[in-house]
Amino acid sequence: MVKRAELQRWAEWLSPAPVHCGKAEGRRRGFNATFSPALRRSSGESPLKLVFSRPPKLYKYGESYKEALLGFARAAALDPALLEPPLREQQLLKFLGRLSALVQQKGMLKAKRLNSLMSSIQNKEQRLYKEWRYPTASGQHTALTMKPLRSLNPGTNTGTVVLGKVVFSLTDEEKVPFTFGLIDADGSCLAVMVYNIAESWGVLIGDTVAVPEPHLKQHSIEHSGKSFTFSSVRVESPLVLIVNGKAQSMTSQAAAVVAYKPQTE
């Protein structure tokens, strides 16, 4: 059984600073409603069962993977009886290991296949996509400057579009995000992570994908003796992507769902 003071220390340790994930707020604000009921509970059930998953998952969806792994590990250490924290930790380690390997090895495709994909981009698709008017964060459609993946800067690359071919796809047990590898005409490869997708949406190896104003993040993660290094582009909705020369329909995006569950003290 975890003591009240220990839970408070755990809450303070895991309370996240703002991350690039939806409407995540400051260090304490969003957690009062979650931790206060747990601190008031008098039953024999560990309060960590109510609260452990939210902070690490928040970090995970914000792609702060090191913090997410530390959160799962810390929750498991505070209450070894809980089965989910170590399971989530191992699942995330497995996902990161597979993703890092696939990016580094460009989907593990054969050289002949990769050369064919890169040649198709350079000789055909680039000319077509340079004339496209892309959806942007402002809600307008505008012409963007096409750049190679290697020229992207960390953060949002305003006024830029990248173009490539899909070389792999990958999902974890939670199915979010939908992750795929993108290789450009120069042979650079990174991961593209797409959120708010409908269950039926996805891309296939060989598909051509344009990503307007890509938000780049460079990952270097060390945890439990394992290390992962790769770059990724975060896409908040499939609606901004152009796949095989086509804009994505509204059915590609997940519908909003409001759920309410009353709480008892």
C-alpha atoms as a PDB file:
ATOM      1  CA  MET A   1       0.000   0.000   0.000  1.00  0.00           C
ATOM      2  CA  VAL A   2       1.436   3.381  -0.989  1.00  0.00           C
ATOM      3  CA  LYS A   3       1.369   6.042   1.692  1.00  0.00           C
ATOM      4  CA  ARG A   4      -0.190   9.449   1.131  1.00  0.00           C
ATOM      5  CA  ALA A   5       3.141  11.297   1.336  1.00  0.00           C
ATOM      6  CA  GLU A   6       4.709   8.882  -1.135  1.00  0.00           C
ATOM      7  CA  LEU A   7       1.861   9.392  -3.594  1.00  0.00           C
ATOM      8  CA  GLN A   8       2.265  13.160  -3.275  1.00  0.00           C
ATOM      9  CA  ARG A   9       5.980  12.854  -4.051  1.00  0.00           C
ATOM     10  CA  TRP A  10       5.131  10.631  -7.017  1.00  0.00           C
ATOM     11  CA  ALA A  11       2.593  13.154  -8.290  1.00  0.00           C
ATOM     12  CA  GLU A  12       5.110  15.996  -7.993  1.00  0.00           C
ATOM     13  CA  TRP A  13       7.831  13.969  -9.719  1.00  0.00           C
ATOM     14  CA  LEU A  14       5.623  13.010 -12.643  1.00  0.00           C
ATOM     15  CA  SER A  15       3.665  16.234 -13.115  1.00  0.00           C
ATOM     16  CA  PRO A  16       4.591  17.279 -16.638  1.00  0.00           C
ATOM     17  CA  ALA A  17       5.861  20.577 -17.898  1.00  0.00           C
ATOM     18  CA  PRO A  18       3.981  21.749 -21.013  1.00  0.00           C
ATOM     19  CA  VAL A  19       4.463  19.407 -23.949  1.00  0.00           C
ATOM     20  CA  HIS A  20       3.478  19.555 -27.602  1.00  0.00           C
ATOM     21  CA  CYS A  21       0.403  17.382 -27.110  1.00  0.00           C
ATOM     22  CA  GLY A  22      -3.090  18.850 -27.474  1.00  0.00           C
ATOM     23  CA  LYS A  23      -3.933  21.332 -24.714  1.00  0.00           C
ATOM     24  CA  ALA A  24      -1.459  20.160 -22.095  1.00  0.00           C
ATOM     25  CA  GLU A  25      -1.049  22.902 -19.509  1.00  0.00           C
ATOM     26  CA  GLY A  26       1.381  23.792 -16.755  1.00  0.00           C
ATOM     27  CA  ARG A  27       3.098  21.646 -14.190  1.00  0.00           C
ATOM     28  CA  ARG A  28       0.275  21.216 -11.670  1.00  0.00           C
ATOM     29  CA  ARG A  29      -2.942  22.575 -13.135  1.00  0.00           C
ATOM     30  CA  GLY A  30      -4.223  19.560 -15.048  1.00  0.00           C
ATOM     31  CA  PHE A  31      -3.434  17.083 -12.282  1.00  0.00           C
ATOM     32  CA  ASN A  32      -5.390  18.480  -9.346  1.00  0.00           C
ATOM     33  CA  ALA A  33      -8.610  16.876 -10.527  1.00  0.00           C
ATOM     34  CA  THR A  34      -6.858  13.541 -10.973  1.00  0.00           C
ATOM     35  CA  PHE A  35      -4.768  13.320  -7.816  1.00  0.00           C
ATOM     36  CA  SER A  36      -7.122  14.948  -5.302  1.00  0.00           C
ATOM     37  CA  PRO A  37      -9.764  12.176  -5.461  1.00  0.00           C
ATOM     38  CA  ALA A  38      -7.018   9.566  -5.201  1.00  0.00           C
ATOM     39  CA  LEU A  39      -5.542  11.206  -2.129  1.00  0.00           C
ATOM     40  CA  ARG A  40      -8.976  11.230  -0.479  1.00  0.00           C
ATOM     41  CA  ARG A  41      -9.692   7.534  -1.112  1.00  0.00           C
ATOM     42  CA  SER A  42      -9.871   5.413   2.030  1.00  0.00           C
ATOM     43  CA  SER A  43     -10.365   1.973   0.477  1.00  0.00           C
ATOM     44  CA  GLY A  44      -7.628  -0.627   0.373  1.00  0.00           C
ATOM     45  CA  GLU A  45      -7.094  -0.196  -3.398  1.00  0.00           C
ATOM     46  CA  SER A  46      -3.836   1.480  -4.337  1.00  0.00           C
ATOM     47  CA  PRO A  47      -4.525   5.070  -5.514  1.00  0.00           C
ATOM     48  CA  LEU A  48      -1.760   4.610  -8.079  1.00  0.00           C
ATOM     49  CA  LYS A  49      -4.148   2.413 -10.046  1.00  0.00           C
ATOM     50  CA  LEU A  50      -6.208   5.533 -10.681  1.00  0.00           C
ATOM     51  CA  VAL A  51      -3.427   7.910 -11.534  1.00  0.00           C
ATOM     52  CA  PHE A  52      -0.275   6.126 -12.732  1.00  0.00           C
ATOM     53  CA  SER A  53      -1.173   5.924 -16.393  1.00  0.00           C
ATOM     54  CA  ARG A  54      -2.140   9.468 -17.189  1.00  0.00           C
ATOM     55  CA  PRO A  55       1.209  11.307 -16.786  1.00  0.00           C
ATOM     56  CA  PRO A  56       3.345   8.736 -18.687  1.00  0.00           C
ATOM     57  CA  LYS A  57       0.711   8.446 -21.404  1.00  0.00           C
ATOM     58  CA  LEU A  58       0.603  12.220 -21.700  1.00  0.00           C
ATOM     59  CA  TYR A  59       4.343  12.218 -22.273  1.00  0.00           C
ATOM     60  CA  LYS A  60       3.992   9.342 -24.750  1.00  0.00           C
ATOM     61  CA  TYR A  61       1.431  11.169 -26.881  1.00  0.00           C
ATOM     62  CA  GLY A  62       3.611  14.264 -26.669  1.00  0.00           C
ATOM     63  CA  GLU A  63       6.460  12.093 -28.028  1.00  0.00           C
ATOM     64  CA  SER A  64       8.545  12.745 -24.927  1.00  0.00           C
ATOM     65  CA  TYR A  65       9.468   9.088 -24.813  1.00  0.00           C
ATOM     66  CA  LYS A  66      12.240   9.257 -22.229  1.00  0.00           C
ATOM     67  CA  GLU A  67       9.896  10.902 -19.726  1.00  0.00           C
ATOM     68  CA  ALA A  68       7.153   8.373 -20.524  1.00  0.00           C
ATOM     69  CA  LEU A  69       9.497   5.440 -19.886  1.00  0.00           C
ATOM     70  CA  LEU A  70      10.689   6.972 -16.618  1.00  0.00           C
ATOM     71  CA  GLY A  71       7.066   7.500 -15.594  1.00  0.00           C
ATOM     72  CA  PHE A  72       6.078   3.894 -16.200  1.00  0.00           C
ATOM     73  CA  ALA A  73       9.199   2.636 -14.416  1.00  0.00           C
ATOM     74  CA  ARG A  74       8.583   4.943 -11.440  1.00  0.00           C
ATOM     75  CA  ALA A  75       4.950   3.841 -11.134  1.00  0.00           C
ATOM     76  CA  ALA A  76       6.024   0.190 -11.170  1.00  0.00           C
ATOM     77  CA  ALA A  77       8.624   0.843  -8.474  1.00  0.00           C
ATOM     78  CA  LEU A  78       6.128   2.609  -6.203  1.00  0.00           C
ATOM     79  CA  ASP A  79       3.565  -0.189  -6.433  1.00  0.00           C
ATOM     80  CA  PRO A  80       4.989  -3.493  -7.708  1.00  0.00           C
ATOM     81  CA  ALA A  81       1.518  -5.072  -7.484  1.00  0.00           C
ATOM     82  CA  LEU A  82       0.388  -3.083 -10.492  1.00  0.00           C
ATOM     83  CA  LEU A  83       0.799  -5.025 -13.719  1.00  0.00           C
ATOM     84  CA  GLU A  84       0.127  -2.298 -16.280  1.00  0.00           C
ATOM     85  CA  PRO A  85       3.086   0.093 -15.707  1.00  0.00           C
ATOM     86  CA  PRO A  86       5.845  -2.460 -16.462  1.00  0.00           C
ATOM     87  CA  LEU A  87       3.793  -3.827 -19.362  1.00  0.00           C
ATOM     88  CA  ARG A  88       3.447  -0.343 -20.884  1.00  0.00           C
ATOM     89  CA  GLU A  89       7.137   0.299 -20.346  1.00  0.00           C
ATOM     90  CA  GLN A  90       8.110  -2.875 -22.212  1.00  0.00           C
ATOM     91  CA  GLN A  91       5.625  -2.198 -25.003  1.00  0.00           C
ATOM     92  CA  LEU A  92       7.041   1.287 -25.533  1.00  0.00           C
ATOM     93  CA  LEU A  93      10.617  -0.027 -25.498  1.00  0.00           C
ATOM     94  CA  LYS A  94       9.665  -2.612 -28.110  1.00  0.00           C
ATOM     95  CA  PHE A  95       7.970   0.011 -30.283  1.00  0.00           C
ATOM     96  CA  LEU A  96      10.944   2.392 -30.094  1.00  0.00           C
ATOM     97  CA  GLY A  97      13.379  -0.411 -30.874  1.00  0.00           C
ATOM     98  CA  ARG A  98      11.457  -1.498 -33.957  1.00  0.00           C
ATOM     99  CA  LEU A  99      10.939   2.092 -35.111  1.00  0.00           C
ATOM    100  CA  SER A 100      14.585   3.085 -34.696  1.00  0.00           C
ATOM    101  CA  ALA A 101      15.732   0.007 -36.634  1.00  0.00           C
ATOM    102  CA  LEU A 102      13.228   0.534 -39.443  1.00  0.00           C
ATOM    103  CA  VAL A 103      14.200   4.196 -39.886  1.00  0.00           C
ATOM    104  CA  GLN A 104      17.915   3.431 -39.888  1.00  0.00           C
ATOM    105  CA  GLN A 105      17.486   0.542 -42.345  1.00  0.00           C
ATOM    106  CA  LYS A 106      14.905   2.381 -44.506  1.00  0.00           C
ATOM    107  CA  GLY A 107      12.173  -0.148 -43.967  1.00  0.00           C
ATOM    108  CA  MET A 108      14.598  -3.015 -44.592  1.00  0.00           C
ATOM    109  CA  LEU A 109      13.743  -2.814 -48.294  1.00  0.00           C
ATOM    110  CA  LYS A 110      16.213  -4.109 -50.859  1.00  0.00           C
ATOM    111  CA  ALA A 111      18.492  -1.599 -52.584  1.00  0.00           C
ATOM    112  CA  LYS A 112      16.830  -2.136 -55.963  1.00  0.00           C
ATOM    113  CA  ARG A 113      13.393  -1.341 -54.492  1.00  0.00           C
ATOM    114  CA  LEU A 114      14.690   1.755 -52.690  1.00  0.00           C
ATOM    115  CA  ASN A 115      16.398   3.058 -55.830  1.00  0.00           C
ATOM    116  CA  SER A 116      13.186   2.585 -57.785  1.00  0.00           C
ATOM    117  CA  LEU A 117      11.194   4.574 -55.202  1.00  0.00           C
ATOM    118  CA  MET A 118      13.742   7.415 -55.092  1.00  0.00           C
ATOM    119  CA  SER A 119      13.952   7.564 -58.876  1.00  0.00           C
ATOM    120  CA  SER A 120      10.168   7.810 -59.139  1.00  0.00           C
ATOM    121  CA  ILE A 121      10.143  10.805 -56.788  1.00  0.00           C
ATOM    122  CA  GLN A 122      12.915  12.605 -58.637  1.00  0.00           C
ATOM    123  CA  ASN A 123      11.740  11.947 -62.191  1.00  0.00           C
ATOM    124  CA  LYS A 124       7.978  12.151 -61.795  1.00  0.00           C
ATOM    125  CA  GLU A 125       6.356  13.144 -58.489  1.00  0.00           C
ATOM    126  CA  GLN A 126       8.448  16.215 -57.669  1.00  0.00           C
ATOM    127  CA  ARG A 127       7.225  18.134 -60.709  1.00  0.00           C
ATOM    128  CA  LEU A 128       3.589  17.322 -59.950  1.00  0.00           C
ATOM    129  CA  TYR A 129       3.679  18.178 -56.252  1.00  0.00           C
ATOM    130  CA  LYS A 130       5.558  21.456 -56.653  1.00  0.00           C
ATOM    131  CA  GLU A 131       2.431  22.977 -58.194  1.00  0.00           C
ATOM    132  CA  TRP A 132       0.102  21.761 -55.447  1.00  0.00           C
ATOM    133  CA  ARG A 133      -1.634  24.167 -53.077  1.00  0.00           C
ATOM    134  CA  TYR A 134      -1.367  22.650 -49.623  1.00  0.00           C
ATOM    135  CA  PRO A 135      -3.530  23.001 -46.499  1.00  0.00           C
ATOM    136  CA  THR A 136      -1.668  24.856 -43.738  1.00  0.00           C
ATOM    137  CA  ALA A 137      -2.139  25.531 -40.030  1.00  0.00           C
ATOM    138  CA  SER A 138      -3.888  28.799 -40.898  1.00  0.00           C
ATOM    139  CA  GLY A 139      -6.632  26.865 -42.669  1.00  0.00           C
ATOM    140  CA  GLN A 140      -5.697  28.264 -46.062  1.00  0.00           C
ATOM    141  CA  HIS A 141      -4.373  26.425 -49.101  1.00  0.00           C
ATOM    142  CA  THR A 142      -1.145  27.849 -50.443  1.00  0.00           C
ATOM    143  CA  ALA A 143       1.932  26.984 -52.502  1.00  0.00           C
ATOM    144  CA  LEU A 144       4.870  25.761 -50.408  1.00  0.00           C
ATOM    145  CA  THR A 145       8.584  25.337 -51.061  1.00  0.00           C
ATOM    146  CA  MET A 146       9.598  21.700 -51.492  1.00  0.00           C
ATOM    147  CA  LYS A 147      12.688  20.779 -49.495  1.00  0.00           C
ATOM    148  CA  PRO A 148      14.618  17.565 -48.803  1.00  0.00           C
ATOM    149  CA  LEU A 149      14.189  15.865 -45.438  1.00  0.00           C
ATOM    150  CA  ARG A 150      17.788  16.583 -44.446  1.00  0.00           C
ATOM    151  CA  SER A 151      17.163  20.358 -44.608  1.00  0.00           C
ATOM    152  CA  LEU A 152      14.384  20.365 -41.989  1.00  0.00           C
ATOM    153  CA  ASN A 153      14.927  22.177 -38.715  1.00  0.00           C
ATOM    154  CA  PRO A 154      13.567  21.032 -35.331  1.00  0.00           C
ATOM    155  CA  GLY A 155      10.083  22.400 -34.778  1.00  0.00           C
ATOM    156  CA  THR A 156       7.568  23.533 -37.379  1.00  0.00           C
ATOM    157  CA  ASN A 157       9.029  24.246 -40.819  1.00  0.00           C
ATOM    158  CA  THR A 158       6.660  26.983 -41.975  1.00  0.00           C
ATOM    159  CA  GLY A 159       6.307  27.487 -45.728  1.00  0.00           C
ATOM    160  CA  THR A 160       7.863  24.090 -46.477  1.00  0.00           C
ATOM    161  CA  VAL A 161       6.578  20.788 -47.849  1.00  0.00           C
ATOM    162  CA  VAL A 162       8.405  17.460 -47.935  1.00  0.00           C
ATOM    163  CA  LEU A 163       7.692  14.652 -50.369  1.00  0.00           C
ATOM    164  CA  GLY A 164       8.565  11.002 -50.138  1.00  0.00           C
ATOM    165  CA  LYS A 165       7.639   7.371 -50.529  1.00  0.00           C
ATOM    166  CA  VAL A 166       6.381   5.096 -47.761  1.00  0.00           C
ATOM    167  CA  VAL A 167       8.911   2.380 -46.882  1.00  0.00           C
ATOM    168  CA  PHE A 168       7.235   0.865 -43.801  1.00  0.00           C
ATOM    169  CA  SER A 169       4.285   1.283 -41.440  1.00  0.00           C
ATOM    170  CA  LEU A 170       4.111   0.541 -37.736  1.00  0.00           C
ATOM    171  CA  THR A 171       1.586   0.730 -34.904  1.00  0.00           C
ATOM    172  CA  ASP A 172       1.744  -0.198 -31.249  1.00  0.00           C
ATOM    173  CA  GLU A 173      -0.846  -1.893 -29.050  1.00  0.00           C
ATOM    174  CA  GLU A 174      -2.794   1.356 -28.621  1.00  0.00           C
ATOM    175  CA  LYS A 175      -2.954   1.947 -32.413  1.00  0.00           C
ATOM    176  CA  VAL A 176      -2.090   5.633 -31.947  1.00  0.00           C
ATOM    177  CA  PRO A 177      -0.241   7.161 -33.640  1.00  0.00           C
ATOM    178  CA  PHE A 178      -0.168   5.547 -37.066  1.00  0.00           C
ATOM    179  CA  THR A 179       3.547   5.610 -37.878  1.00  0.00           C
ATOM    180  CA  PHE A 180       5.183   5.183 -41.247  1.00  0.00           C
ATOM    181  CA  GLY A 181       8.626   5.667 -42.738  1.00  0.00           C
ATOM    182  CA  LEU A 182       9.175   8.263 -45.440  1.00  0.00           C
ATOM    183  CA  ILE A 183      12.148   8.286 -47.818  1.00  0.00           C
ATOM    184  CA  ASP A 184      12.816  11.208 -50.166  1.00  0.00           C
ATOM    185  CA  ALA A 185      14.625  11.496 -53.493  1.00  0.00           C
ATOM    186  CA  ASP A 186      17.968  11.915 -51.710  1.00  0.00           C
ATOM    187  CA  GLY A 187      17.552   8.725 -49.690  1.00  0.00           C
ATOM    188  CA  SER A 188      16.974  10.397 -46.321  1.00  0.00           C
ATOM    189  CA  CYS A 189      14.471   8.567 -44.129  1.00  0.00           C
ATOM    190  CA  LEU A 190      12.442   9.534 -41.077  1.00  0.00           C
ATOM    191  CA  ALA A 191       9.280   8.499 -39.263  1.00  0.00           C
ATOM    192  CA  VAL A 192       5.941  10.255 -39.752  1.00  0.00           C
ATOM    193  CA  MET A 193       3.530   9.957 -36.819  1.00  0.00           C
ATOM    194  CA  VAL A 194      -0.107  10.684 -37.625  1.00  0.00           C
ATOM    195  CA  TYR A 195      -2.682  11.326 -34.896  1.00  0.00           C
ATOM    196  CA  ASN A 196      -6.486  11.588 -34.827  1.00  0.00           C
ATOM    197  CA  ILE A 197      -6.898   8.927 -37.504  1.00  0.00           C
ATOM    198  CA  ALA A 198      -9.971   6.868 -38.307  1.00  0.00           C
ATOM    199  CA  GLU A 199      -9.502   3.127 -37.792  1.00  0.00           C
ATOM    200  CA  SER A 200      -9.718   2.523 -41.532  1.00  0.00           C
ATOM    201  CA  TRP A 201      -7.037   5.072 -42.496  1.00  0.00           C
ATOM    202  CA  GLY A 202      -3.489   4.134 -43.424  1.00  0.00           C
ATOM    203  CA  VAL A 203      -0.820   4.191 -46.117  1.00  0.00           C
ATOM    204  CA  LEU A 204       0.990   1.385 -47.922  1.00  0.00           C
ATOM    205  CA  ILE A 205       4.596   0.804 -48.906  1.00  0.00           C
ATOM    206  CA  GLY A 206       5.214   2.633 -52.173  1.00  0.00           C
ATOM    207  CA  ASP A 207       2.555   5.303 -51.603  1.00  0.00           C
ATOM    208  CA  THR A 208       3.611   8.892 -52.307  1.00  0.00           C
ATOM    209  CA  VAL A 209       3.011  11.269 -49.389  1.00  0.00           C
ATOM    210  CA  ALA A 210       3.453  15.038 -49.139  1.00  0.00           C
ATOM    211  CA  VAL A 211       3.631  16.574 -45.658  1.00  0.00           C
ATOM    212  CA  PRO A 212       3.055  20.346 -45.541  1.00  0.00           C
ATOM    213  CA  GLU A 213       4.802  22.430 -42.886  1.00  0.00           C
ATOM    214  CA  PRO A 214       6.312  19.389 -41.149  1.00  0.00           C
ATOM    215  CA  HIS A 215       6.993  19.522 -37.406  1.00  0.00           C
ATOM    216  CA  LEU A 216      10.348  17.802 -36.888  1.00  0.00           C
ATOM    217  CA  LYS A 217      11.552  16.217 -33.667  1.00  0.00           C
ATOM    218  CA  GLN A 218      14.939  14.554 -33.156  1.00  0.00           C
ATOM    219  CA  HIS A 219      14.907  11.726 -30.618  1.00  0.00           C
ATOM    220  CA  SER A 220      17.822  10.413 -28.585  1.00  0.00           C
ATOM    221  CA  ILE A 221      16.568   8.070 -25.856  1.00  0.00           C
ATOM    222  CA  GLU A 222      18.417   5.944 -23.317  1.00  0.00           C
ATOM    223  CA  HIS A 223      16.570   3.686 -20.894  1.00  0.00           C
ATOM    224  CA  SER A 224      17.366   0.425 -19.119  1.00  0.00           C
ATOM    225  CA  GLY A 225      20.572  -0.055 -21.057  1.00  0.00           C
ATOM    226  CA  LYS A 226      18.911   0.506 -24.422  1.00  0.00           C
ATOM    227  CA  SER A 227      19.326   3.481 -26.739  1.00  0.00           C
ATOM    228  CA  PHE A 228      17.250   4.741 -29.664  1.00  0.00           C
ATOM    229  CA  THR A 229      18.033   7.524 -32.125  1.00  0.00           C
ATOM    230  CA  PHE A 230      15.765   8.671 -34.949  1.00  0.00           C
ATOM    231  CA  SER A 231      13.943  11.701 -36.368  1.00  0.00           C
ATOM    232  CA  SER A 232      10.190  12.023 -36.730  1.00  0.00           C
ATOM    233  CA  VAL A 233       7.567  14.373 -38.107  1.00  0.00           C
ATOM    234  CA  ARG A 234       4.393  14.854 -36.091  1.00  0.00           C
ATOM    235  CA  VAL A 235       1.115  15.221 -38.015  1.00  0.00           C
ATOM    236  CA  GLU A 236      -1.941  16.153 -35.949  1.00  0.00           C
ATOM    237  CA  SER A 237      -4.479  15.007 -38.544  1.00  0.00           C
ATOM    238  CA  PRO A 238      -4.401  12.971 -41.775  1.00  0.00           C
ATOM    239  CA  LEU A 239      -6.426  15.761 -43.388  1.00  0.00           C
ATOM    240  CA  VAL A 240      -3.268  17.809 -44.003  1.00  0.00           C
ATOM    241  CA  LEU A 241      -1.555  15.027 -45.974  1.00  0.00           C
ATOM    242  CA  ILE A 242      -1.595  14.534 -49.718  1.00  0.00           C
ATOM    243  CA  VAL A 243      -1.423  10.813 -50.545  1.00  0.00           C
ATOM    244  CA  ASN A 244      -0.905   9.626 -54.121  1.00  0.00           C
ATOM    245  CA  GLY A 245      -1.939  13.037 -55.424  1.00  0.00           C
ATOM    246  CA  LYS A 246      -5.187  13.167 -53.433  1.00  0.00           C
ATOM    247  CA  ALA A 247      -6.311  15.201 -50.454  1.00  0.00           C
ATOM    248  CA  GLN A 248      -7.686  13.100 -47.597  1.00  0.00           C
ATOM    249  CA  SER A 249     -11.445  13.047 -46.976  1.00  0.00           C
ATOM    250  CA  MET A 250     -13.117  13.824 -43.660  1.00  0.00           C
ATOM    251  CA  THR A 251     -13.659  10.099 -43.113  1.00  0.00           C
ATOM    252  CA  SER A 252      -9.908   9.674 -42.636  1.00  0.00           C
ATOM    253  CA  GLN A 253     -10.049  11.612 -39.369  1.00  0.00           C
ATOM    254  CA  ALA A 254     -11.362  10.160 -36.126  1.00  0.00           C
ATOM    255  CA  ALA A 255     -14.707  11.507 -35.004  1.00  0.00           C
ATOM    256  CA  ALA A 256     -14.776  13.429 -31.740  1.00  0.00           C
ATOM    257  CA  VAL A 257     -16.137  11.405 -28.812  1.00  0.00           C
ATOM    258  CA  VAL A 258     -17.166  12.812 -25.430  1.00  0.00           C
ATOM    259  CA  ALA A 259     -17.152  10.331 -22.577  1.00  0.00           C
ATOM    260  CA  TYR A 260     -18.335  10.958 -19.017  1.00  0.00           C
ATOM    261  CA  LYS A 261     -17.794   8.692 -16.076  1.00  0.00           C
ATOM    262  CA  PRO A 262     -19.046   9.843 -12.650  1.00  0.00           C
ATOM    263  CA  GLN A 263     -16.536   9.564  -9.824  1.00  0.00           C
ATOM    264  CA  THR A 264     -17.207   8.648  -6.237  1.00  0.00           C
ATOM    265  CA  GLU A 265     -15.010   9.496  -3.341  1.00  0.00           C
END
